[in-house]
N, C-alpha and C. Protein backbone atom coordinates (compact mmCIF):
# COMPACT_ATOMS: atom_id res chain seq x y z
N UNK A 1 132.70 -0.94 216.12
CA UNK A 1 133.74 -1.33 215.22
C UNK A 1 133.53 -0.74 213.83
N UNK A 2 132.32 -0.63 213.48
CA UNK A 2 132.05 -0.02 212.19
C UNK A 2 132.40 1.45 212.18
N UNK A 3 132.40 2.09 213.36
CA UNK A 3 132.77 3.50 213.42
C UNK A 3 134.24 3.70 213.08
N UNK A 4 135.10 2.86 213.59
CA UNK A 4 136.53 2.99 213.32
C UNK A 4 136.85 2.62 211.90
N UNK A 5 136.12 1.72 211.34
CA UNK A 5 136.40 1.30 209.97
C UNK A 5 135.98 2.37 208.96
N UNK A 6 134.96 3.10 209.26
CA UNK A 6 134.52 4.11 208.31
C UNK A 6 135.34 5.39 208.40
N UNK A 7 135.95 5.64 209.51
CA UNK A 7 136.72 6.87 209.66
C UNK A 7 137.90 6.93 208.70
N UNK A 8 138.71 5.89 208.59
CA UNK A 8 139.82 5.99 207.66
C UNK A 8 139.36 6.11 206.21
N UNK A 9 138.28 5.47 205.86
CA UNK A 9 137.79 5.56 204.48
C UNK A 9 137.35 6.99 204.16
N UNK A 10 136.65 7.65 205.09
CA UNK A 10 136.20 9.01 204.82
C UNK A 10 137.39 9.97 204.78
N UNK A 11 138.43 9.72 205.52
CA UNK A 11 139.63 10.57 205.46
C UNK A 11 140.29 10.43 204.10
N UNK A 12 140.32 9.19 203.57
CA UNK A 12 140.88 8.98 202.24
C UNK A 12 140.01 9.69 201.19
N UNK A 13 138.70 9.58 201.33
CA UNK A 13 137.78 10.22 200.39
C UNK A 13 137.93 11.73 200.45
N UNK A 14 138.08 12.25 201.65
CA UNK A 14 138.21 13.70 201.81
C UNK A 14 139.48 14.20 201.14
N UNK A 15 140.57 13.46 201.31
CA UNK A 15 141.82 13.92 200.68
C UNK A 15 141.71 13.81 199.17
N UNK A 16 141.03 12.78 198.69
CA UNK A 16 140.85 12.61 197.25
C UNK A 16 139.96 13.72 196.68
N UNK A 17 138.85 14.04 197.39
CA UNK A 17 137.94 15.05 196.88
C UNK A 17 138.55 16.44 196.97
N UNK A 18 139.35 16.72 197.97
CA UNK A 18 139.99 18.04 198.04
C UNK A 18 141.01 18.20 196.93
N UNK A 19 141.64 17.09 196.56
CA UNK A 19 142.57 17.15 195.44
C UNK A 19 141.81 17.48 194.15
N UNK A 20 140.58 16.94 194.00
CA UNK A 20 139.74 17.20 192.85
C UNK A 20 139.33 18.67 192.77
N UNK A 21 139.14 19.30 193.92
CA UNK A 21 138.75 20.70 193.93
C UNK A 21 139.94 21.62 193.65
N UNK A 22 141.14 21.16 193.93
CA UNK A 22 142.31 21.98 193.66
C UNK A 22 142.50 22.17 192.15
N UNK A 23 142.29 21.10 191.41
CA UNK A 23 142.47 21.17 189.96
C UNK A 23 141.32 20.42 189.30
N UNK A 24 140.12 21.01 189.24
CA UNK A 24 138.97 20.27 188.71
C UNK A 24 139.07 19.98 187.22
N UNK A 25 139.83 20.76 186.47
CA UNK A 25 139.93 20.57 185.03
C UNK A 25 141.30 20.01 184.64
N UNK A 26 141.88 19.28 185.54
CA UNK A 26 143.21 18.72 185.28
C UNK A 26 143.19 17.79 184.09
N UNK A 27 142.11 17.09 183.88
CA UNK A 27 142.00 16.15 182.77
C UNK A 27 142.01 16.89 181.43
N UNK A 28 141.60 18.15 181.44
CA UNK A 28 141.53 18.90 180.19
C UNK A 28 142.77 19.74 179.92
N UNK A 29 143.71 19.73 180.82
CA UNK A 29 144.91 20.54 180.58
C UNK A 29 145.90 19.73 179.76
N UNK A 30 146.34 20.31 178.70
CA UNK A 30 147.35 19.68 177.85
C UNK A 30 148.20 20.78 177.25
N UNK A 31 149.32 20.46 176.85
CA UNK A 31 150.26 21.44 176.32
C UNK A 31 149.92 21.75 174.87
N UNK A 32 149.85 23.03 174.56
CA UNK A 32 149.59 23.46 173.19
C UNK A 32 150.94 23.80 172.57
N UNK A 33 151.18 23.27 171.42
CA UNK A 33 152.47 23.58 170.80
C UNK A 33 152.53 25.06 170.43
N UNK A 34 153.65 25.66 170.58
CA UNK A 34 153.86 27.06 170.26
C UNK A 34 154.02 27.19 168.75
N UNK A 35 152.98 27.72 168.09
CA UNK A 35 152.99 27.84 166.64
C UNK A 35 153.08 29.32 166.29
N UNK A 36 153.95 29.64 165.42
CA UNK A 36 154.12 31.02 164.97
C UNK A 36 153.17 31.28 163.81
N UNK A 37 152.30 32.30 163.95
CA UNK A 37 151.35 32.66 162.90
C UNK A 37 152.09 33.56 161.91
N UNK A 38 151.96 33.24 160.65
CA UNK A 38 152.65 34.05 159.64
C UNK A 38 152.18 35.51 159.69
N UNK A 39 153.05 36.41 159.36
CA UNK A 39 152.77 37.85 159.40
C UNK A 39 151.61 38.22 158.48
N UNK A 40 151.49 37.56 157.35
CA UNK A 40 150.41 37.87 156.39
C UNK A 40 149.05 37.57 157.02
N UNK A 41 148.96 36.46 157.75
CA UNK A 41 147.69 36.12 158.41
C UNK A 41 147.39 37.11 159.53
N UNK A 42 148.38 37.48 160.30
CA UNK A 42 148.18 38.46 161.37
C UNK A 42 147.71 39.79 160.80
N UNK A 43 148.35 40.19 159.71
CA UNK A 43 147.99 41.45 159.07
C UNK A 43 146.55 41.41 158.55
N UNK A 44 146.18 40.28 157.95
CA UNK A 44 144.83 40.13 157.43
C UNK A 44 143.81 40.14 158.58
N UNK A 45 144.13 39.48 159.67
CA UNK A 45 143.23 39.47 160.83
C UNK A 45 143.10 40.86 161.43
N UNK A 46 144.22 41.59 161.52
CA UNK A 46 144.17 42.96 162.04
C UNK A 46 143.30 43.86 161.16
N UNK A 47 143.43 43.71 159.84
CA UNK A 47 142.61 44.49 158.92
C UNK A 47 141.13 44.14 159.08
N UNK A 48 140.84 42.85 159.24
CA UNK A 48 139.44 42.43 159.41
C UNK A 48 138.85 42.99 160.70
N UNK A 49 139.62 42.96 161.77
CA UNK A 49 139.14 43.51 163.04
C UNK A 49 138.93 45.02 162.93
N UNK A 50 139.90 45.70 162.31
CA UNK A 50 139.76 47.16 162.14
C UNK A 50 138.55 47.49 161.27
N UNK A 51 138.35 46.73 160.21
CA UNK A 51 137.19 46.95 159.34
C UNK A 51 135.88 46.70 160.07
N UNK A 52 135.85 45.68 160.91
CA UNK A 52 134.65 45.38 161.69
C UNK A 52 134.36 46.50 162.68
N UNK A 53 135.38 47.00 163.33
CA UNK A 53 135.19 48.11 164.28
C UNK A 53 134.67 49.35 163.56
N UNK A 54 135.23 49.62 162.39
CA UNK A 54 134.81 50.78 161.61
C UNK A 54 133.35 50.62 161.15
N UNK A 55 133.01 49.44 160.68
CA UNK A 55 131.63 49.19 160.24
C UNK A 55 130.67 49.30 161.41
N UNK A 56 131.04 48.80 162.57
CA UNK A 56 130.19 48.92 163.76
C UNK A 56 129.99 50.38 164.14
N UNK A 57 131.06 51.17 164.09
CA UNK A 57 130.95 52.58 164.45
C UNK A 57 130.01 53.31 163.47
N UNK A 58 130.13 53.00 162.18
CA UNK A 58 129.25 53.62 161.19
C UNK A 58 127.80 53.19 161.41
N UNK A 59 127.59 51.92 161.69
CA UNK A 59 126.24 51.41 161.92
C UNK A 59 125.63 52.03 163.17
N UNK A 60 126.43 52.17 164.21
CA UNK A 60 125.95 52.76 165.45
C UNK A 60 125.57 54.23 165.22
N UNK A 61 126.40 54.96 164.50
CA UNK A 61 126.11 56.36 164.20
C UNK A 61 124.85 56.48 163.35
N UNK A 62 124.71 55.62 162.36
CA UNK A 62 123.53 55.65 161.50
C UNK A 62 122.27 55.33 162.31
N UNK A 63 122.35 54.38 163.21
CA UNK A 63 121.19 54.02 164.04
C UNK A 63 120.81 55.17 164.97
N UNK A 64 121.80 55.84 165.54
CA UNK A 64 121.50 56.99 166.42
C UNK A 64 120.87 58.13 165.62
N UNK A 65 121.39 58.37 164.42
CA UNK A 65 120.82 59.43 163.59
C UNK A 65 119.39 59.08 163.17
N UNK A 66 119.15 57.82 162.83
CA UNK A 66 117.80 57.40 162.45
C UNK A 66 116.84 57.56 163.62
N UNK A 67 117.31 57.23 164.79
CA UNK A 67 116.48 57.39 165.99
C UNK A 67 116.12 58.86 166.21
N UNK A 68 117.09 59.74 166.06
CA UNK A 68 116.83 61.18 166.20
C UNK A 68 115.86 61.68 165.14
N UNK A 69 116.00 61.18 163.93
CA UNK A 69 115.11 61.58 162.83
C UNK A 69 113.67 61.19 163.16
N UNK A 70 113.48 59.96 163.63
CA UNK A 70 112.13 59.52 163.94
C UNK A 70 111.57 60.25 165.16
N UNK A 71 112.41 60.59 166.11
CA UNK A 71 111.95 61.38 167.26
C UNK A 71 111.49 62.76 166.80
N UNK A 72 112.28 63.39 165.92
CA UNK A 72 111.89 64.70 165.39
C UNK A 72 110.58 64.62 164.61
N UNK A 73 110.46 63.59 163.78
CA UNK A 73 109.26 63.42 162.98
C UNK A 73 108.05 63.17 163.88
N UNK A 74 108.23 62.37 164.90
CA UNK A 74 107.14 62.07 165.84
C UNK A 74 106.69 63.35 166.55
N UNK A 75 107.64 64.15 167.01
CA UNK A 75 107.31 65.38 167.73
C UNK A 75 106.58 66.36 166.81
N UNK A 76 107.05 66.46 165.58
CA UNK A 76 106.39 67.34 164.61
C UNK A 76 104.97 66.86 164.34
N UNK A 77 104.81 65.55 164.18
CA UNK A 77 103.49 64.97 163.94
C UNK A 77 102.57 65.21 165.12
N UNK A 78 103.08 64.99 166.32
CA UNK A 78 102.27 65.18 167.53
C UNK A 78 101.79 66.62 167.64
N UNK A 79 102.72 67.57 167.49
CA UNK A 79 102.34 68.97 167.61
C UNK A 79 101.40 69.38 166.48
N UNK A 80 101.57 68.81 165.30
CA UNK A 80 100.67 69.10 164.19
C UNK A 80 99.26 68.61 164.45
N UNK A 81 99.14 67.41 165.01
CA UNK A 81 97.81 66.89 165.32
C UNK A 81 97.14 67.70 166.42
N UNK A 82 97.92 68.15 167.38
CA UNK A 82 97.35 69.01 168.43
C UNK A 82 96.82 70.30 167.82
N UNK A 83 97.61 70.90 166.95
CA UNK A 83 97.19 72.15 166.29
C UNK A 83 95.96 71.90 165.40
N UNK A 84 95.94 70.77 164.71
CA UNK A 84 94.80 70.44 163.85
C UNK A 84 93.53 70.25 164.70
N UNK A 85 93.67 69.60 165.84
CA UNK A 85 92.54 69.43 166.74
C UNK A 85 92.04 70.77 167.27
N UNK A 86 92.98 71.63 167.64
CA UNK A 86 92.59 72.97 168.13
C UNK A 86 91.88 73.78 167.05
N UNK A 87 92.38 73.67 165.82
CA UNK A 87 91.75 74.38 164.70
C UNK A 87 90.33 73.86 164.48
N UNK A 88 90.15 72.57 164.56
CA UNK A 88 88.82 71.97 164.38
C UNK A 88 87.87 72.44 165.47
N UNK A 89 88.36 72.48 166.70
CA UNK A 89 87.51 72.97 167.80
C UNK A 89 87.15 74.44 167.61
N UNK A 90 88.11 75.25 167.16
CA UNK A 90 87.82 76.66 166.90
C UNK A 90 86.76 76.81 165.81
N UNK A 91 86.87 75.99 164.77
CA UNK A 91 85.87 76.03 163.70
C UNK A 91 84.49 75.65 164.22
N UNK A 92 84.43 74.61 165.03
CA UNK A 92 83.15 74.18 165.59
C UNK A 92 82.56 75.28 166.48
N UNK A 93 83.40 75.95 167.25
CA UNK A 93 82.93 77.03 168.11
C UNK A 93 82.38 78.18 167.28
N UNK A 94 83.08 78.51 166.20
CA UNK A 94 82.61 79.58 165.31
C UNK A 94 81.22 79.25 164.77
N UNK A 95 81.04 77.99 164.33
CA UNK A 95 79.75 77.59 163.78
C UNK A 95 78.65 77.59 164.85
N UNK A 96 78.97 77.09 166.01
CA UNK A 96 77.94 77.06 167.06
C UNK A 96 77.58 78.47 167.53
N UNK A 97 78.57 79.36 167.63
CA UNK A 97 78.27 80.76 168.00
C UNK A 97 77.36 81.42 166.95
N UNK A 98 77.67 81.17 165.68
CA UNK A 98 76.86 81.75 164.60
C UNK A 98 75.43 81.17 164.64
N UNK A 99 75.32 79.90 164.92
CA UNK A 99 73.99 79.26 164.98
C UNK A 99 73.18 79.82 166.14
N UNK A 100 73.79 79.99 167.30
CA UNK A 100 73.07 80.58 168.44
C UNK A 100 72.67 82.03 168.16
N UNK A 101 73.54 82.78 167.51
CA UNK A 101 73.22 84.17 167.15
C UNK A 101 72.05 84.20 166.17
N UNK A 102 72.07 83.26 165.23
CA UNK A 102 70.96 83.16 164.27
C UNK A 102 69.66 82.82 164.99
N UNK A 103 69.72 81.86 165.90
CA UNK A 103 68.51 81.45 166.64
C UNK A 103 67.97 82.62 167.46
N UNK A 104 68.84 83.37 168.08
CA UNK A 104 68.41 84.53 168.87
C UNK A 104 67.75 85.58 167.96
N UNK A 105 68.35 85.84 166.81
CA UNK A 105 67.79 86.81 165.87
C UNK A 105 66.48 86.29 165.28
N UNK A 106 66.41 85.00 165.06
CA UNK A 106 65.21 84.40 164.46
C UNK A 106 64.01 84.52 165.41
N UNK A 107 64.28 84.49 166.70
CA UNK A 107 63.20 84.63 167.68
C UNK A 107 62.59 86.03 167.66
N UNK A 108 63.33 87.00 167.16
CA UNK A 108 62.84 88.38 167.11
C UNK A 108 62.22 88.78 165.78
N UNK A 109 62.07 87.82 164.87
CA UNK A 109 61.52 88.09 163.55
C UNK A 109 60.03 88.42 163.68
N UNK A 110 59.58 89.42 162.90
CA UNK A 110 58.19 89.86 162.99
C UNK A 110 57.35 89.46 161.78
N UNK A 111 58.06 89.05 160.67
CA UNK A 111 57.30 88.66 159.48
C UNK A 111 57.99 87.48 158.80
N UNK A 112 57.19 86.85 157.92
CA UNK A 112 57.72 85.70 157.18
C UNK A 112 58.83 86.14 156.24
N UNK A 113 58.70 87.25 155.60
CA UNK A 113 59.70 87.76 154.66
C UNK A 113 61.01 88.05 155.40
N UNK A 114 60.90 88.60 156.59
CA UNK A 114 62.10 88.87 157.40
C UNK A 114 62.78 87.56 157.80
N UNK A 115 62.00 86.53 158.09
CA UNK A 115 62.55 85.21 158.45
C UNK A 115 63.30 84.60 157.27
N UNK A 116 62.72 84.70 156.08
CA UNK A 116 63.36 84.15 154.88
C UNK A 116 64.65 84.91 154.60
N UNK A 117 64.61 86.22 154.72
CA UNK A 117 65.80 87.04 154.49
C UNK A 117 66.91 86.70 155.50
N UNK A 118 66.52 86.55 156.75
CA UNK A 118 67.50 86.20 157.80
C UNK A 118 68.09 84.82 157.56
N UNK A 119 67.23 83.88 157.16
CA UNK A 119 67.70 82.51 156.88
C UNK A 119 68.67 82.51 155.69
N UNK A 120 68.37 83.24 154.64
CA UNK A 120 69.24 83.30 153.45
C UNK A 120 70.58 83.94 153.79
N UNK A 121 70.55 85.01 154.57
CA UNK A 121 71.80 85.66 154.98
C UNK A 121 72.64 84.73 155.85
N UNK A 122 71.98 84.02 156.74
CA UNK A 122 72.71 83.08 157.62
C UNK A 122 73.34 81.96 156.79
N UNK A 123 72.59 81.40 155.86
CA UNK A 123 73.11 80.30 155.02
C UNK A 123 74.29 80.78 154.18
N UNK A 124 74.18 81.98 153.59
CA UNK A 124 75.26 82.53 152.77
C UNK A 124 76.52 82.74 153.63
N UNK A 125 76.32 83.33 154.81
CA UNK A 125 77.45 83.60 155.71
C UNK A 125 78.10 82.28 156.17
N UNK A 126 77.30 81.30 156.49
CA UNK A 126 77.84 80.00 156.92
C UNK A 126 78.60 79.33 155.78
N UNK A 127 78.07 79.42 154.55
CA UNK A 127 78.76 78.83 153.40
C UNK A 127 80.11 79.50 153.17
N UNK A 128 80.15 80.82 153.25
CA UNK A 128 81.42 81.54 153.09
C UNK A 128 82.41 81.17 154.19
N UNK A 129 81.92 81.09 155.42
CA UNK A 129 82.78 80.72 156.55
C UNK A 129 83.32 79.30 156.38
N UNK A 130 82.43 78.39 156.01
CA UNK A 130 82.84 76.99 155.82
C UNK A 130 83.85 76.87 154.69
N UNK A 131 83.65 77.61 153.61
CA UNK A 131 84.60 77.59 152.49
C UNK A 131 85.97 78.09 152.93
N UNK A 132 86.00 79.19 153.66
CA UNK A 132 87.28 79.73 154.15
C UNK A 132 87.95 78.77 155.13
N UNK A 133 87.17 78.17 156.01
CA UNK A 133 87.74 77.23 156.98
C UNK A 133 88.27 75.98 156.30
N UNK A 134 87.57 75.51 155.30
CA UNK A 134 88.02 74.33 154.56
C UNK A 134 89.34 74.62 153.84
N UNK A 135 89.43 75.78 153.22
CA UNK A 135 90.66 76.18 152.54
C UNK A 135 91.81 76.28 153.54
N UNK A 136 91.53 76.89 154.68
CA UNK A 136 92.54 77.04 155.73
C UNK A 136 92.99 75.66 156.26
N UNK A 137 92.05 74.76 156.47
CA UNK A 137 92.39 73.41 156.96
C UNK A 137 93.21 72.65 155.92
N UNK A 138 92.86 72.82 154.65
CA UNK A 138 93.60 72.15 153.59
C UNK A 138 95.05 72.65 153.54
N UNK A 139 95.23 73.97 153.62
CA UNK A 139 96.58 74.53 153.62
C UNK A 139 97.37 74.06 154.85
N UNK A 140 96.69 74.06 155.99
CA UNK A 140 97.36 73.62 157.21
C UNK A 140 97.75 72.15 157.12
N UNK A 141 96.85 71.31 156.62
CA UNK A 141 97.14 69.87 156.50
C UNK A 141 98.30 69.63 155.54
N UNK A 142 98.35 70.39 154.46
CA UNK A 142 99.44 70.24 153.50
C UNK A 142 100.77 70.65 154.13
N UNK A 143 100.77 71.76 154.83
CA UNK A 143 101.99 72.23 155.51
C UNK A 143 102.39 71.23 156.60
N UNK A 144 101.41 70.73 157.31
CA UNK A 144 101.64 69.76 158.38
C UNK A 144 102.28 68.49 157.82
N UNK A 145 101.76 67.98 156.72
CA UNK A 145 102.32 66.76 156.12
C UNK A 145 103.75 66.99 155.64
N UNK A 146 103.99 68.15 155.05
CA UNK A 146 105.34 68.49 154.58
C UNK A 146 106.30 68.60 155.76
N UNK A 147 105.88 69.28 156.81
CA UNK A 147 106.75 69.45 158.00
C UNK A 147 107.01 68.13 158.69
N UNK A 148 106.00 67.27 158.76
CA UNK A 148 106.15 65.99 159.45
C UNK A 148 107.07 65.04 158.69
N UNK A 149 107.05 65.13 157.37
CA UNK A 149 107.89 64.22 156.57
C UNK A 149 109.29 64.76 156.32
N UNK A 150 109.50 66.05 156.58
CA UNK A 150 110.80 66.66 156.30
C UNK A 150 111.96 65.98 157.03
N UNK A 151 111.89 65.71 158.34
CA UNK A 151 113.03 65.06 159.00
C UNK A 151 113.35 63.68 158.42
N UNK A 152 112.32 62.92 158.08
CA UNK A 152 112.56 61.59 157.50
C UNK A 152 113.19 61.73 156.13
N UNK A 153 112.68 62.65 155.33
CA UNK A 153 113.22 62.86 153.99
C UNK A 153 114.69 63.28 154.06
N UNK A 154 115.01 64.20 154.97
CA UNK A 154 116.39 64.65 155.11
C UNK A 154 117.29 63.50 155.60
N UNK A 155 116.77 62.70 156.51
CA UNK A 155 117.55 61.57 157.02
C UNK A 155 117.85 60.55 155.93
N UNK A 156 116.85 60.26 155.10
CA UNK A 156 117.05 59.31 154.01
C UNK A 156 118.05 59.87 153.00
N UNK A 157 117.92 61.15 152.66
CA UNK A 157 118.86 61.76 151.72
C UNK A 157 120.29 61.71 152.26
N UNK A 158 120.43 61.97 153.56
CA UNK A 158 121.75 61.95 154.18
C UNK A 158 122.33 60.53 154.16
N UNK A 159 121.47 59.56 154.45
CA UNK A 159 121.93 58.17 154.44
C UNK A 159 122.33 57.72 153.05
N UNK A 160 121.56 58.14 152.05
CA UNK A 160 121.88 57.74 150.68
C UNK A 160 123.16 58.40 150.18
N UNK A 161 123.45 59.61 150.65
CA UNK A 161 124.70 60.27 150.27
C UNK A 161 125.89 59.48 150.81
N UNK A 162 125.72 58.86 151.97
CA UNK A 162 126.80 58.08 152.56
C UNK A 162 127.11 56.82 151.77
N UNK A 163 126.15 56.34 150.96
CA UNK A 163 126.36 55.12 150.20
C UNK A 163 126.71 55.38 148.74
N UNK A 164 126.74 56.63 148.34
CA UNK A 164 127.08 56.95 146.96
C UNK A 164 128.58 56.84 146.75
N UNK A 165 128.99 56.29 145.62
CA UNK A 165 130.44 56.20 145.34
C UNK A 165 131.01 57.58 145.07
N UNK A 166 132.23 57.74 145.47
CA UNK A 166 132.84 59.03 145.15
C UNK A 166 133.62 59.48 146.26
């Protein structure tokens, strides 16, 4: 008997719940009065939207340009450090080759005076080489710093020109 009594109740519940699924937001639907927006407000809103789109386009372009500037600067810096490392290794090789040549020559020395003369010539030659290498490294580092900062400097100048009145 309880089976027959529950069947009609569940059929009523099913019809009620299916009605709820047909229009679940029925309680929130209400009529909105048709209000005419004045032309001045529409015009102002259109100008604001157009201005926002224009500002976004400018900001997007500036961000892309800044990204390119930093990529260029990074690549210049990377290649400069590679070249600086190679130059340092070349300098070290030059010094080690000279030292081995000196050691080989020193082993063939027959007198103390010849050893002193060889040592003085080696020291003078090494000092001259070191002085030239230091000057070369200084010039390279200066050029490297200028080249690495050039893209950023140009990007900043370009950006500042965009904000100047006129």
